Amino acid sequence: MKVTVDEGKCCGAGTCVMLAPDVFDQRDDDGIVILLDERPGEALHGVVREAASVCPGVAISVSEEG
């Protein structure tokens, strides 16, 4: 799995951080997403997919590539 984020689409809701704090964080000044781990371990795949699906800005993309 490979995770990418589009900071331009992020609205700073923080749902991704609440769901997967090992993968996502937020900038202190404006709340925009910070990707901490673009290739999270298999144990995190489900929660990362959930974070992508509930992102109100559709800022998180998940690819199943190696």
N, C-alpha and C. Protein backbone atom coordinates (compact mmCIF):
# COMPACT_ATOMS: atom_id res chain seq x y z
N MET A 1 0.84 -1.18 0.00
CA MET A 1 0.00 0.00 0.00
C MET A 1 0.88 1.24 0.00
N LYS A 2 0.47 2.21 -0.81
CA LYS A 2 1.14 3.51 -0.81
C LYS A 2 0.08 4.59 -0.59
N VAL A 3 0.36 5.51 0.33
CA VAL A 3 -0.56 6.58 0.67
C VAL A 3 0.01 7.89 0.17
N THR A 4 -0.85 8.72 -0.43
CA THR A 4 -0.45 10.07 -0.81
C THR A 4 -1.52 11.03 -0.31
N VAL A 5 -1.12 12.26 -0.09
CA VAL A 5 -2.07 13.29 0.33
C VAL A 5 -1.92 14.51 -0.57
N ASP A 6 -3.04 15.19 -0.79
CA ASP A 6 -3.07 16.42 -1.56
C ASP A 6 -3.37 17.54 -0.56
N GLU A 7 -2.34 18.23 -0.13
CA GLU A 7 -2.51 19.28 0.88
C GLU A 7 -3.48 20.36 0.41
N GLY A 8 -3.55 20.59 -0.89
CA GLY A 8 -4.44 21.60 -1.43
C GLY A 8 -5.92 21.27 -1.24
N LYS A 9 -6.24 19.99 -1.10
CA LYS A 9 -7.62 19.55 -0.89
C LYS A 9 -7.98 19.43 0.59
N CYS A 10 -6.98 19.37 1.45
CA CYS A 10 -7.20 19.14 2.87
C CYS A 10 -7.92 20.34 3.50
N CYS A 11 -8.97 20.04 4.26
CA CYS A 11 -9.71 21.11 4.95
C CYS A 11 -9.41 21.15 6.44
N GLY A 12 -8.50 20.28 6.91
CA GLY A 12 -8.07 20.32 8.30
C GLY A 12 -9.04 19.72 9.30
N ALA A 13 -9.92 18.84 8.85
CA ALA A 13 -10.91 18.24 9.74
C ALA A 13 -10.27 17.36 10.81
N GLY A 14 -9.17 16.71 10.48
CA GLY A 14 -8.44 15.90 11.46
C GLY A 14 -8.94 14.49 11.66
N THR A 15 -9.91 14.07 10.88
CA THR A 15 -10.45 12.71 11.03
C THR A 15 -9.35 11.68 10.79
N CYS A 16 -8.50 11.93 9.82
CA CYS A 16 -7.43 10.97 9.50
C CYS A 16 -6.50 10.79 10.69
N VAL A 17 -6.20 11.88 11.39
CA VAL A 17 -5.30 11.82 12.54
C VAL A 17 -5.95 11.04 13.68
N MET A 18 -7.24 11.23 13.88
CA MET A 18 -7.94 10.49 14.93
C MET A 18 -7.97 8.99 14.62
N LEU A 19 -8.13 8.65 13.35
CA LEU A 19 -8.22 7.24 12.96
C LEU A 19 -6.84 6.57 12.89
N ALA A 20 -5.86 7.26 12.36
CA ALA A 20 -4.55 6.65 12.12
C ALA A 20 -3.42 7.61 12.49
N PRO A 21 -3.22 7.85 13.78
CA PRO A 21 -2.20 8.81 14.21
C PRO A 21 -0.76 8.39 13.91
N ASP A 22 -0.55 7.11 13.58
CA ASP A 22 0.79 6.67 13.20
C ASP A 22 1.10 6.99 11.74
N VAL A 23 0.07 7.33 10.99
CA VAL A 23 0.22 7.59 9.56
C VAL A 23 0.03 9.07 9.23
N PHE A 24 -0.87 9.75 9.96
CA PHE A 24 -1.20 11.14 9.65
C PHE A 24 -1.00 12.04 10.88
N ASP A 25 -0.65 13.28 10.62
CA ASP A 25 -0.59 14.32 11.64
C ASP A 25 -1.11 15.59 10.99
N GLN A 26 -1.15 16.68 11.75
CA GLN A 26 -1.60 17.96 11.23
C GLN A 26 -0.60 19.04 11.58
N ARG A 27 -0.46 19.99 10.67
CA ARG A 27 0.40 21.15 10.94
C ARG A 27 -0.23 21.97 12.06
N ASP A 28 0.60 22.50 12.94
CA ASP A 28 0.11 23.28 14.07
C ASP A 28 -0.56 24.59 13.63
N ASP A 29 -0.03 25.21 12.60
CA ASP A 29 -0.52 26.54 12.25
C ASP A 29 -1.86 26.55 11.53
N ASP A 30 -2.14 25.53 10.71
CA ASP A 30 -3.39 25.57 9.93
C ASP A 30 -4.16 24.24 9.90
N GLY A 31 -3.63 23.20 10.53
CA GLY A 31 -4.34 21.92 10.60
C GLY A 31 -4.26 21.07 9.36
N ILE A 32 -3.50 21.49 8.37
CA ILE A 32 -3.38 20.72 7.13
C ILE A 32 -2.62 19.42 7.41
N VAL A 33 -3.04 18.37 6.72
CA VAL A 33 -2.50 17.02 6.94
C VAL A 33 -1.00 16.95 6.66
N ILE A 34 -0.33 16.14 7.46
CA ILE A 34 1.07 15.77 7.25
C ILE A 34 1.10 14.25 7.16
N LEU A 35 1.67 13.73 6.11
CA LEU A 35 1.80 12.29 5.94
C LEU A 35 3.07 11.82 6.65
N LEU A 36 2.90 10.99 7.66
CA LEU A 36 4.03 10.49 8.44
C LEU A 36 4.62 9.20 7.86
N ASP A 37 3.77 8.40 7.22
CA ASP A 37 4.22 7.10 6.73
C ASP A 37 3.49 6.79 5.43
N GLU A 38 4.19 6.93 4.30
CA GLU A 38 3.55 6.70 3.00
C GLU A 38 3.38 5.21 2.69
N ARG A 39 4.04 4.35 3.44
CA ARG A 39 3.91 2.90 3.23
C ARG A 39 3.67 2.22 4.59
N PRO A 40 2.48 2.41 5.15
CA PRO A 40 2.21 1.82 6.47
C PRO A 40 2.15 0.30 6.43
N GLY A 41 2.44 -0.31 7.56
CA GLY A 41 2.41 -1.76 7.67
C GLY A 41 1.00 -2.31 7.46
N GLU A 42 0.94 -3.58 7.17
CA GLU A 42 -0.33 -4.23 6.85
C GLU A 42 -1.37 -4.07 7.96
N ALA A 43 -0.94 -4.03 9.19
CA ALA A 43 -1.87 -3.89 10.31
C ALA A 43 -2.65 -2.57 10.26
N LEU A 44 -2.12 -1.57 9.56
CA LEU A 44 -2.76 -0.26 9.47
C LEU A 44 -3.57 -0.07 8.19
N HIS A 45 -3.52 -1.01 7.27
CA HIS A 45 -4.18 -0.83 5.98
C HIS A 45 -5.67 -0.53 6.10
N GLY A 46 -6.38 -1.26 6.94
CA GLY A 46 -7.81 -1.06 7.08
C GLY A 46 -8.16 0.33 7.57
N VAL A 47 -7.46 0.79 8.58
CA VAL A 47 -7.76 2.11 9.16
C VAL A 47 -7.34 3.23 8.21
N VAL A 48 -6.29 3.02 7.43
CA VAL A 48 -5.88 4.02 6.44
C VAL A 48 -6.92 4.11 5.33
N ARG A 49 -7.43 2.98 4.88
CA ARG A 49 -8.51 3.00 3.87
C ARG A 49 -9.74 3.72 4.42
N GLU A 50 -10.05 3.48 5.69
CA GLU A 50 -11.19 4.16 6.31
C GLU A 50 -10.95 5.67 6.36
N ALA A 51 -9.75 6.08 6.75
CA ALA A 51 -9.42 7.50 6.81
C ALA A 51 -9.58 8.15 5.43
N ALA A 52 -9.14 7.46 4.40
CA ALA A 52 -9.29 7.99 3.04
C ALA A 52 -10.76 8.11 2.65
N SER A 53 -11.55 7.12 3.04
CA SER A 53 -12.96 7.12 2.63
C SER A 53 -13.80 8.16 3.36
N VAL A 54 -13.41 8.55 4.56
CA VAL A 54 -14.18 9.54 5.32
C VAL A 54 -13.60 10.96 5.23
N CYS A 55 -12.51 11.13 4.54
CA CYS A 55 -11.88 12.45 4.42
C CYS A 55 -12.83 13.41 3.69
N PRO A 56 -13.28 14.48 4.37
CA PRO A 56 -14.24 15.38 3.73
C PRO A 56 -13.68 16.14 2.53
N GLY A 57 -12.36 16.30 2.48
CA GLY A 57 -11.74 17.01 1.37
C GLY A 57 -11.27 16.10 0.25
N VAL A 58 -11.43 14.79 0.45
CA VAL A 58 -10.95 13.78 -0.50
C VAL A 58 -9.47 14.02 -0.79
N ALA A 59 -8.71 14.28 0.26
CA ALA A 59 -7.31 14.63 0.14
C ALA A 59 -6.37 13.43 0.25
N ILE A 60 -6.89 12.26 0.62
CA ILE A 60 -6.05 11.08 0.84
C ILE A 60 -6.30 10.07 -0.27
N SER A 61 -5.23 9.61 -0.88
CA SER A 61 -5.32 8.58 -1.91
C SER A 61 -4.55 7.35 -1.45
N VAL A 62 -5.11 6.19 -1.74
CA VAL A 62 -4.48 4.92 -1.37
C VAL A 62 -4.30 4.10 -2.64
N SER A 63 -3.09 3.63 -2.85
CA SER A 63 -2.78 2.77 -3.98
C SER A 63 -2.32 1.43 -3.45
N GLU A 64 -2.70 0.39 -4.11
CA GLU A 64 -2.32 -0.95 -3.66
C GLU A 64 -0.97 -1.39 -4.23
N GLU A 65 -0.27 -0.50 -4.90
CA GLU A 65 1.05 -0.85 -5.44
C GLU A 65 2.01 -1.18 -4.32
N GLY A 66 2.97 -2.07 -4.61
CA GLY A 66 3.94 -2.55 -3.67
C GLY A 66 4.57 -1.51 -2.89
